[in-house]
Amino acid sequence: MFRINHVSQIRTLQRPRHTRWSSHFKSLCSLMRLFGPSYVVFTDIPTKGSTSSQKGDAVFAVKHAMSFDFVIAFHMMKDIMGITDKLCQSLQQKSIDIMNALALVSTTKILLQKLRDEVVCFCKRSDTLVPDMNETYKYVIRTRSDNEIITTEHHY
């Protein structure tokens, strides 16, 4: 994507060009490592950008990247992809047997449940409403899948 050119050059953001989950996970990790330098670049674009479109995009990116919603979603995506990446890597090994595969799936389910429990605890501490996961999910906007009835748990 871009490179930070300093005397102590940091790294390059990984391009999300591959479709394998591990490459998406690595892209997220790369962006997380370079969040500070990326922020510096995005805050420079509004003053140094060549087009008003670039400047507007940079202002939009900075505004949303610094929001709590973005940061928590970003961290959760990284955690979830980290958990599932380990499972995917293990399941792709040629020598794995069915018992090990089942144990890995079970462990992954436990880790994901632990993550959900941590989110619920955080929400309760910060007085954020936690929806009933067994209720029917109500879309904020109308979608083509309005005919589908799904639970809140399946949505999240």
Protein backbone atom coordinates (compact mmCIF):
# COMPACT_ATOMS: atom_id res chain seq x y z
CA MET A 1 0.00 0.00 0.00
CA PHE A 2 2.49 2.59 1.12
CA ARG A 3 5.83 2.73 2.79
CA ILE A 4 6.97 4.99 5.61
CA ASN A 5 10.31 6.45 4.53
CA HIS A 6 12.30 7.36 7.62
CA VAL A 7 15.86 6.67 8.61
CA SER A 8 14.58 3.71 10.60
CA GLN A 9 12.12 2.46 8.01
CA ILE A 10 9.39 0.52 9.77
CA ARG A 11 7.76 -1.95 7.37
CA THR A 12 5.39 -2.16 4.46
CA LEU A 13 1.70 -2.83 4.91
CA GLN A 14 0.81 -6.19 3.46
CA ARG A 15 -1.47 -5.96 0.45
CA PRO A 16 -4.78 -7.82 0.82
CA ARG A 17 -4.42 -9.37 -2.64
CA HIS A 18 -4.50 -13.02 -1.66
CA THR A 19 -7.71 -14.81 -0.80
CA ARG A 20 -6.34 -17.14 1.84
CA TRP A 21 -7.49 -16.38 5.37
CA SER A 22 -3.95 -16.36 6.70
CA SER A 23 -3.01 -13.53 4.34
CA HIS A 24 -6.01 -11.47 5.54
CA PHE A 25 -4.95 -12.13 9.14
CA LYS A 26 -1.40 -11.04 8.31
CA SER A 27 -2.76 -7.88 6.66
CA LEU A 28 -4.69 -7.02 9.83
CA CYS A 29 -1.63 -7.67 12.00
CA SER A 30 0.45 -5.53 9.67
CA LEU A 31 -2.05 -2.67 9.83
CA MET A 32 -2.20 -2.95 13.61
CA ARG A 33 1.61 -2.76 13.86
CA LEU A 34 1.63 0.25 11.56
CA PHE A 35 -1.43 1.99 12.97
CA GLY A 36 0.59 4.92 14.35
CA PRO A 37 2.61 5.58 11.18
CA SER A 38 -0.54 5.09 9.07
CA TYR A 39 -2.30 7.70 11.19
CA VAL A 40 0.57 10.14 10.57
CA VAL A 41 0.32 9.60 6.81
CA PHE A 42 -3.46 9.99 6.77
CA THR A 43 -3.26 13.22 8.79
CA ASP A 44 -0.70 14.62 6.32
CA ILE A 45 -2.81 13.92 3.22
CA PRO A 46 -5.43 16.65 3.89
CA THR A 47 -2.68 19.28 3.72
CA LYS A 48 -0.41 17.64 1.15
CA GLY A 49 -2.86 15.64 -0.98
CA SER A 50 -3.06 16.48 -4.66
CA THR A 51 -6.83 16.18 -5.12
CA SER A 52 -9.82 17.14 -3.03
CA SER A 53 -11.00 13.53 -3.30
CA GLN A 54 -7.76 12.29 -1.67
CA LYS A 55 -8.06 14.92 1.03
CA GLY A 56 -11.69 14.01 1.76
CA ASP A 57 -10.91 10.29 1.84
CA ALA A 58 -8.05 10.88 4.29
CA VAL A 59 -10.20 13.01 6.62
CA PHE A 60 -12.90 10.31 6.52
CA ALA A 61 -10.33 7.56 7.24
CA VAL A 62 -8.80 9.41 10.20
CA LYS A 63 -12.20 10.27 11.67
CA HIS A 64 -13.41 6.68 11.56
CA ALA A 65 -10.11 4.99 12.42
CA MET A 66 -9.99 6.95 15.66
CA SER A 67 -13.52 5.97 16.70
CA PHE A 68 -14.18 3.41 19.43
CA ASP A 69 -16.44 1.39 17.13
CA PHE A 70 -13.65 0.97 14.59
CA VAL A 71 -10.97 0.15 17.16
CA ILE A 72 -13.02 -2.50 18.97
CA ALA A 73 -14.22 -4.07 15.70
CA PHE A 74 -10.64 -4.05 14.40
CA HIS A 75 -9.30 -5.77 17.53
CA MET A 76 -12.10 -8.33 17.49
CA MET A 77 -11.52 -9.09 13.81
CA LYS A 78 -7.83 -9.62 14.53
CA ASP A 79 -8.57 -11.88 17.51
CA ILE A 80 -11.19 -13.93 15.66
CA MET A 81 -9.05 -14.27 12.55
CA GLY A 82 -6.08 -15.25 14.74
CA ILE A 83 -8.11 -18.03 16.35
CA THR A 84 -9.54 -19.30 13.07
CA ASP A 85 -6.19 -18.94 11.27
CA LYS A 86 -4.61 -21.42 13.70
CA LEU A 87 -7.47 -23.84 13.05
CA CYS A 88 -7.22 -23.44 9.26
CA GLN A 89 -3.44 -23.90 9.26
CA SER A 90 -3.75 -27.07 11.33
CA LEU A 91 -6.57 -28.52 9.24
CA GLN A 92 -4.59 -27.99 6.04
CA GLN A 93 -1.75 -30.23 7.20
CA LYS A 94 -1.67 -33.54 5.35
CA SER A 95 -0.88 -35.59 8.42
CA ILE A 96 -3.81 -34.50 10.60
CA ASP A 97 -6.17 -37.23 11.77
CA ILE A 98 -9.88 -36.88 12.48
CA MET A 99 -9.49 -36.91 16.27
CA ASN A 100 -6.99 -34.05 16.20
CA ALA A 101 -9.26 -32.15 13.82
CA LEU A 102 -12.23 -32.53 16.17
CA ALA A 103 -10.10 -31.43 19.12
CA LEU A 104 -8.98 -28.35 17.17
CA VAL A 105 -12.56 -27.44 16.28
CA SER A 106 -13.60 -27.89 19.92
CA THR A 107 -10.72 -25.69 21.12
CA THR A 108 -11.60 -23.04 18.54
CA LYS A 109 -15.22 -23.00 19.70
CA ILE A 110 -14.06 -22.55 23.31
CA LEU A 111 -11.76 -19.65 22.35
CA LEU A 112 -14.52 -17.93 20.38
CA GLN A 113 -16.95 -18.35 23.29
CA LYS A 114 -14.33 -16.88 25.64
CA LEU A 115 -13.99 -13.89 23.32
CA ARG A 116 -17.77 -13.42 23.26
CA ASP A 117 -17.87 -13.62 27.07
CA GLU A 118 -15.14 -10.96 27.30
CA VAL A 119 -17.13 -8.68 24.99
CA VAL A 120 -20.29 -9.17 27.08
CA CYS A 121 -18.33 -8.37 30.29
CA PHE A 122 -16.89 -5.26 28.67
CA CYS A 123 -20.35 -4.15 27.55
CA LYS A 124 -21.78 -4.66 31.03
CA ARG A 125 -18.93 -2.69 32.62
CA SER A 126 -19.45 0.18 30.19
CA ASP A 127 -23.27 0.07 30.43
CA THR A 128 -23.59 -0.90 26.78
CA LEU A 129 -26.77 -2.78 25.98
CA VAL A 130 -26.14 -6.46 25.23
CA PRO A 131 -28.89 -7.86 23.01
CA ASP A 132 -30.64 -11.15 23.77
CA MET A 133 -28.84 -13.54 21.43
CA ASN A 134 -31.90 -15.79 21.15
CA GLU A 135 -34.20 -13.05 19.83
CA THR A 136 -34.95 -12.63 16.14
CA TYR A 137 -32.48 -10.17 14.67
CA LYS A 138 -34.05 -6.96 13.39
CA TYR A 139 -32.17 -5.31 10.54
CA VAL A 140 -31.63 -1.56 10.85
CA ILE A 141 -32.20 -1.16 7.12
CA ARG A 142 -34.26 -3.31 4.79
CA THR A 143 -32.29 -5.98 2.98
CA ARG A 144 -33.01 -8.54 0.31
CA SER A 145 -32.83 -11.19 3.00
CA ASP A 146 -35.75 -9.73 4.98
CA ASN A 147 -37.56 -13.01 4.38
CA GLU A 148 -34.84 -14.87 6.28
CA ILE A 149 -35.44 -15.06 9.99
CA ILE A 150 -32.19 -15.28 11.90
CA THR A 151 -31.31 -14.94 15.55
CA THR A 152 -29.15 -12.18 16.92
CA GLU A 153 -26.55 -14.83 17.75
CA HIS A 154 -26.30 -15.85 14.09
CA HIS A 155 -26.04 -12.22 13.03
CA TYR A 156 -23.08 -11.60 15.31
